[in-house]
Amino acid sequence: MSAANWREAMNSGAGRRAMVASRQAPALRAAAVETAGTPPAQPGTSRVVDAIRRNVRLRHVVVIVALLAYPAFASPFFTFQIAGQALALGIIALSLSFLGGYGGMISLAQMTVAGIAGYLIAILGTSASEAISLGWPWFVAVPVAIGVATVIGTLIGWLSVRTEGIYTIMITLAVGVAFQYLALQNYSVFNGFQGHQRVYPPTVLGIDWRSPTPFFYLSLAFALASYFLVKYAVRTPFGVALQGIRDNPRRMNSL
């Protein structure tokens, strides 16, 4: 091969790739020798480990350990009345944070939807208001209450999304205030100002879920599930589209 032909070959893409490969060959051989005795990693396991390494920090572990050990150090009053109910109400606050933070839509009717579900549990299930409660089994009352509350929340959203800004806030506020006055002035269904006291939970697996410690761990489990659900949702195409609507509604509408 003449010098001119050699220069022409080296200036081509194939020549450059051959030179890069010849330079990388010793490093590749050394890496192959080091990993020869290492068993192949499982694709699913490696993805799970990578996800844990990316998302779990020391502060998360400290918080989880503190929450799990909380009932061992706190009194039953603080376990049930403070921590357990704070976790339950925190789920409602999380839904408001998700809707307002990622969707840019401020709703003041979140507690209304939760209140409707709670009232239906008391009415359909068993409570101290025996003249009103129907005594349905919990595995029937709970899905019906969640389903009805979801439908009502959808209707509130269908009405509210037709507005924006301060008008959305005022419509959801009006819905919340209207439901409050309806519940406080109706005694035949909602038991007026007294409400439904002592809603009896079921005994599942021999556990009384109204006891402070089981109630705390049940609230903690649902709070963590809701948190991770929101973390997952904001990374899905739906969550990305929701953030796009928050940032530029006109562009998202055109897309």
Protein backbone atom coordinates (compact mmCIF):
# COMPACT_ATOMS: atom_id res chain seq x y z
CA MET A 1 0.00 0.00 0.00
CA SER A 2 1.34 3.39 -0.96
CA ALA A 3 1.55 6.30 1.48
CA ALA A 4 -1.26 8.13 -0.32
CA ASN A 5 -3.58 5.10 -0.09
CA TRP A 6 -2.75 4.65 3.59
CA ARG A 7 -3.56 8.28 4.36
CA GLU A 8 -6.83 8.02 2.44
CA ALA A 9 -7.83 4.90 4.39
CA MET A 10 -7.00 6.48 7.74
CA ASN A 11 -8.96 9.63 6.88
CA SER A 12 -12.08 7.54 6.21
CA GLY A 13 -14.52 6.53 8.96
CA ALA A 14 -13.46 2.88 8.87
CA GLY A 15 -9.83 3.78 9.45
CA ARG A 16 -10.63 5.97 12.43
CA ARG A 17 -12.83 3.28 13.97
CA ALA A 18 -10.06 0.71 13.54
CA MET A 19 -7.53 3.02 15.24
CA VAL A 20 -9.91 3.70 18.17
CA ALA A 21 -10.59 -0.02 18.54
CA SER A 22 -6.88 -0.83 18.57
CA ARG A 23 -6.32 1.75 21.31
CA GLN A 24 -9.20 0.45 23.43
CA ALA A 25 -8.34 -3.24 23.05
CA PRO A 26 -5.94 -3.47 26.06
CA ALA A 27 -8.43 -1.79 28.39
CA LEU A 28 -11.24 -4.05 27.20
CA ARG A 29 -9.10 -7.16 27.70
CA ALA A 30 -8.21 -6.05 31.24
CA ALA A 31 -11.88 -5.41 32.10
CA ALA A 32 -12.80 -8.83 30.73
CA VAL A 33 -10.18 -10.50 32.92
CA GLU A 34 -11.43 -8.66 36.05
CA THR A 35 -15.09 -9.57 35.48
CA ALA A 36 -14.47 -13.13 34.28
CA GLY A 37 -15.27 -14.61 37.69
CA THR A 38 -18.25 -12.32 38.44
CA PRO A 39 -21.70 -13.90 37.97
CA PRO A 40 -23.98 -12.04 35.55
CA ALA A 41 -26.33 -9.54 37.19
CA GLN A 42 -30.05 -10.06 36.95
CA PRO A 43 -31.65 -7.23 34.91
CA GLY A 44 -34.66 -6.86 37.20
CA THR A 45 -32.59 -6.94 40.38
CA SER A 46 -30.10 -4.38 39.09
CA ARG A 47 -32.91 -2.00 38.16
CA VAL A 48 -34.44 -2.28 41.62
CA VAL A 49 -31.06 -1.73 43.30
CA ASP A 50 -30.32 1.28 41.07
CA ALA A 51 -33.74 2.78 41.84
CA ILE A 52 -33.15 2.35 45.58
CA ARG A 53 -29.71 3.94 45.33
CA ARG A 54 -31.10 6.91 43.41
CA ASN A 55 -34.12 7.60 45.60
CA VAL A 56 -33.34 6.36 49.12
CA ARG A 57 -31.10 8.53 51.30
CA LEU A 58 -29.98 8.31 54.89
CA ARG A 59 -32.62 10.79 56.00
CA HIS A 60 -35.35 8.55 54.56
CA VAL A 61 -34.09 5.59 56.56
CA VAL A 62 -33.92 7.67 59.75
CA VAL A 63 -37.50 8.92 59.29
CA ILE A 64 -38.87 5.43 58.58
CA VAL A 65 -37.13 3.95 61.62
CA ALA A 66 -38.41 6.79 63.82
CA LEU A 67 -41.97 6.31 62.59
CA LEU A 68 -41.88 2.56 63.09
CA ALA A 69 -40.56 2.96 66.61
CA TYR A 70 -42.89 5.84 67.54
CA PRO A 71 -45.63 3.78 69.29
CA ALA A 72 -43.03 2.21 71.56
CA PHE A 73 -42.13 5.61 73.04
CA ALA A 74 -45.36 7.63 72.74
CA SER A 75 -48.47 7.35 74.88
CA PRO A 76 -51.68 5.90 73.41
CA PHE A 77 -53.15 9.41 73.21
CA PHE A 78 -50.27 10.74 71.10
CA THR A 79 -50.18 7.55 69.03
CA PHE A 80 -53.88 7.68 68.11
CA GLN A 81 -55.05 11.28 68.44
CA ILE A 82 -51.91 13.06 67.24
CA ALA A 83 -49.74 10.85 65.05
CA GLY A 84 -52.35 8.50 63.58
CA GLN A 85 -54.86 11.21 62.69
CA ALA A 86 -52.08 13.51 61.44
CA LEU A 87 -51.03 10.80 58.98
CA ALA A 88 -54.65 10.33 57.86
CA LEU A 89 -55.14 14.06 57.35
CA GLY A 90 -51.73 14.25 55.68
CA ILE A 91 -53.05 12.08 52.84
CA ILE A 92 -55.67 14.75 52.13
CA ALA A 93 -53.00 17.45 52.28
CA LEU A 94 -50.85 15.38 49.91
CA SER A 95 -53.66 15.28 47.36
CA LEU A 96 -53.98 19.05 47.56
CA SER A 97 -50.21 19.45 47.20
CA PHE A 98 -50.19 17.18 44.15
CA LEU A 99 -53.08 19.01 42.50
CA GLY A 100 -51.80 22.49 43.24
CA GLY A 101 -48.05 21.90 42.97
CA TYR A 102 -47.98 19.82 39.80
CA GLY A 103 -51.25 20.82 38.17
CA GLY A 104 -51.43 24.47 39.19
CA MET A 105 -55.06 24.02 40.27
CA ILE A 106 -55.91 25.05 43.83
CA SER A 107 -58.89 23.15 45.24
CA LEU A 108 -60.55 23.86 48.57
CA ALA A 109 -62.91 20.90 48.26
CA GLN A 110 -60.44 18.16 49.18
CA MET A 111 -61.85 17.78 52.68
CA THR A 112 -65.36 17.66 51.21
CA VAL A 113 -64.54 14.55 49.20
CA ALA A 114 -62.88 12.93 52.22
CA GLY A 115 -65.81 13.93 54.43
CA ILE A 116 -68.31 12.35 52.06
CA ALA A 117 -66.38 9.08 52.20
CA GLY A 118 -66.22 9.26 56.00
CA TYR A 119 -69.93 9.97 56.37
CA LEU A 120 -70.78 7.07 54.04
CA ILE A 121 -68.63 4.71 56.09
CA ALA A 122 -70.57 5.77 59.21
CA ILE A 123 -73.96 5.55 57.49
CA LEU A 124 -73.42 2.30 55.62
CA GLY A 125 -71.32 0.64 58.33
CA THR A 126 -71.75 0.54 62.09
CA SER A 127 -71.53 3.48 64.49
CA ALA A 128 -73.01 4.70 67.76
CA SER A 129 -75.85 6.29 65.73
CA GLU A 130 -77.70 2.99 65.43
CA ALA A 131 -80.89 4.64 64.12
CA ILE A 132 -78.98 5.89 61.05
CA SER A 133 -76.25 3.33 60.44
CA LEU A 134 -77.24 0.45 58.18
CA GLY A 135 -74.74 -2.08 59.49
CA TRP A 136 -73.29 -3.23 56.15
CA PRO A 137 -70.13 -5.37 56.34
CA TRP A 138 -66.94 -3.37 55.96
CA PHE A 139 -65.86 -5.07 52.71
CA VAL A 140 -69.04 -3.71 51.11
CA ALA A 141 -69.29 -0.32 52.84
CA VAL A 142 -65.68 0.72 52.18
CA PRO A 143 -65.67 0.21 48.36
CA VAL A 144 -69.10 1.85 48.02
CA ALA A 145 -67.98 4.86 50.08
CA ILE A 146 -64.76 5.27 48.08
CA GLY A 147 -66.64 4.87 44.79
CA VAL A 148 -69.31 7.45 45.64
CA ALA A 149 -66.70 9.92 46.92
CA THR A 150 -64.69 9.44 43.70
CA VAL A 151 -67.74 10.13 41.55
CA ILE A 152 -68.57 13.28 43.52
CA GLY A 153 -64.95 14.42 43.34
CA THR A 154 -65.05 13.90 39.57
CA LEU A 155 -68.19 16.03 39.30
CA ILE A 156 -66.58 18.78 41.37
CA GLY A 157 -63.51 18.67 39.13
CA TRP A 158 -65.64 18.64 35.96
CA LEU A 159 -67.29 21.85 37.14
CA SER A 160 -64.13 23.51 38.46
CA VAL A 161 -61.79 22.96 35.50
CA ARG A 162 -64.02 25.12 33.33
CA THR A 163 -62.61 28.08 35.25
CA GLU A 164 -59.13 29.14 36.26
CA GLY A 165 -57.34 31.17 38.89
CA ILE A 166 -59.42 32.73 41.63
CA TYR A 167 -62.65 31.39 40.12
CA THR A 168 -61.53 27.78 40.62
CA ILE A 169 -60.72 28.53 44.24
CA MET A 170 -64.09 30.20 44.81
CA ILE A 171 -66.09 27.38 43.18
CA THR A 172 -64.39 24.68 45.24
CA LEU A 173 -64.76 26.82 48.37
CA ALA A 174 -68.47 27.24 47.66
CA VAL A 175 -68.88 23.46 47.26
CA GLY A 176 -67.07 22.86 50.55
CA VAL A 177 -69.12 25.41 52.48
CA ALA A 178 -72.38 24.12 50.98
CA PHE A 179 -71.60 20.55 52.04
CA GLN A 180 -70.63 21.73 55.52
CA TYR A 181 -73.95 23.48 56.08
CA LEU A 182 -75.82 20.52 54.61
CA ALA A 183 -74.13 18.12 57.02
CA LEU A 184 -74.54 20.37 60.06
CA GLN A 185 -78.24 21.10 59.48
CA ASN A 186 -79.35 17.61 58.44
CA TYR A 187 -80.08 15.28 61.38
CA SER A 188 -81.81 12.43 59.61
CA VAL A 189 -78.74 11.41 57.57
CA PHE A 190 -75.68 13.29 58.88
CA ASN A 191 -76.80 13.63 62.54
CA GLY A 192 -76.33 17.40 62.52
CA PHE A 193 -73.66 19.09 64.63
CA GLN A 194 -72.91 15.94 66.60
CA GLY A 195 -72.01 13.93 63.55
CA HIS A 196 -71.49 10.17 63.70
CA GLN A 197 -69.42 9.33 66.74
CA ARG A 198 -67.64 6.07 67.46
CA VAL A 199 -67.59 4.56 63.99
CA TYR A 200 -66.72 0.94 64.72
CA PRO A 201 -63.94 -0.49 62.56
CA PRO A 202 -63.82 -4.17 61.60
CA THR A 203 -61.75 -6.79 63.36
CA VAL A 204 -59.56 -8.28 60.64
CA LEU A 205 -57.01 -11.03 61.36
CA GLY A 206 -57.95 -10.75 65.01
CA ILE A 207 -56.77 -7.12 65.22
CA ASP A 208 -58.88 -4.26 66.58
CA TRP A 209 -57.95 -1.46 64.17
CA ARG A 210 -59.34 1.21 66.49
CA SER A 211 -56.61 0.49 69.04
CA PRO A 212 -53.90 3.18 69.01
CA THR A 213 -50.97 1.10 67.72
CA PRO A 214 -52.81 -0.77 64.91
CA PHE A 215 -54.51 2.45 63.82
CA PHE A 216 -51.16 4.24 63.69
CA TYR A 217 -49.50 1.55 61.57
CA LEU A 218 -52.53 1.36 59.28
CA SER A 219 -52.43 5.14 58.75
CA LEU A 220 -48.67 4.98 58.20
CA ALA A 221 -49.04 2.25 55.57
CA PHE A 222 -51.65 4.21 53.61
CA ALA A 223 -49.68 7.46 53.94
CA LEU A 224 -46.54 5.83 52.56
CA ALA A 225 -48.51 4.19 49.75
CA SER A 226 -50.06 7.54 48.82
CA TYR A 227 -46.67 9.26 48.90
CA PHE A 228 -45.01 6.72 46.62
CA LEU A 229 -48.03 6.78 44.32
CA VAL A 230 -47.63 10.54 43.88
CA LYS A 231 -43.88 10.13 43.36
CA TYR A 232 -44.59 7.61 40.61
CA ALA A 233 -47.43 9.59 39.04
CA VAL A 234 -45.40 12.76 38.52
CA ARG A 235 -42.90 10.77 36.39
CA THR A 236 -45.52 9.19 34.14
CA PRO A 237 -46.75 10.79 30.90
CA PHE A 238 -49.85 11.89 32.77
CA GLY A 239 -47.76 13.65 35.41
CA VAL A 240 -45.55 15.32 32.81
CA ALA A 241 -48.63 16.51 30.91
CA LEU A 242 -50.08 17.84 34.16
CA GLN A 243 -46.94 19.87 34.78
CA GLY A 244 -47.07 21.11 31.19
CA ILE A 245 -50.61 22.36 31.75
CA ARG A 246 -49.42 24.16 34.85
CA ASP A 247 -46.51 25.85 33.03
CA ASN A 248 -48.12 26.67 29.67
CA PRO A 249 -51.79 25.75 29.15
CA ARG A 250 -51.99 27.27 25.66
CA ARG A 251 -49.01 25.29 24.37
CA MET A 252 -50.37 22.06 25.88
CA ASN A 253 -53.73 22.75 24.29
CA SER A 254 -52.10 23.16 20.87
CA LEU A 255 -50.06 19.99 21.35
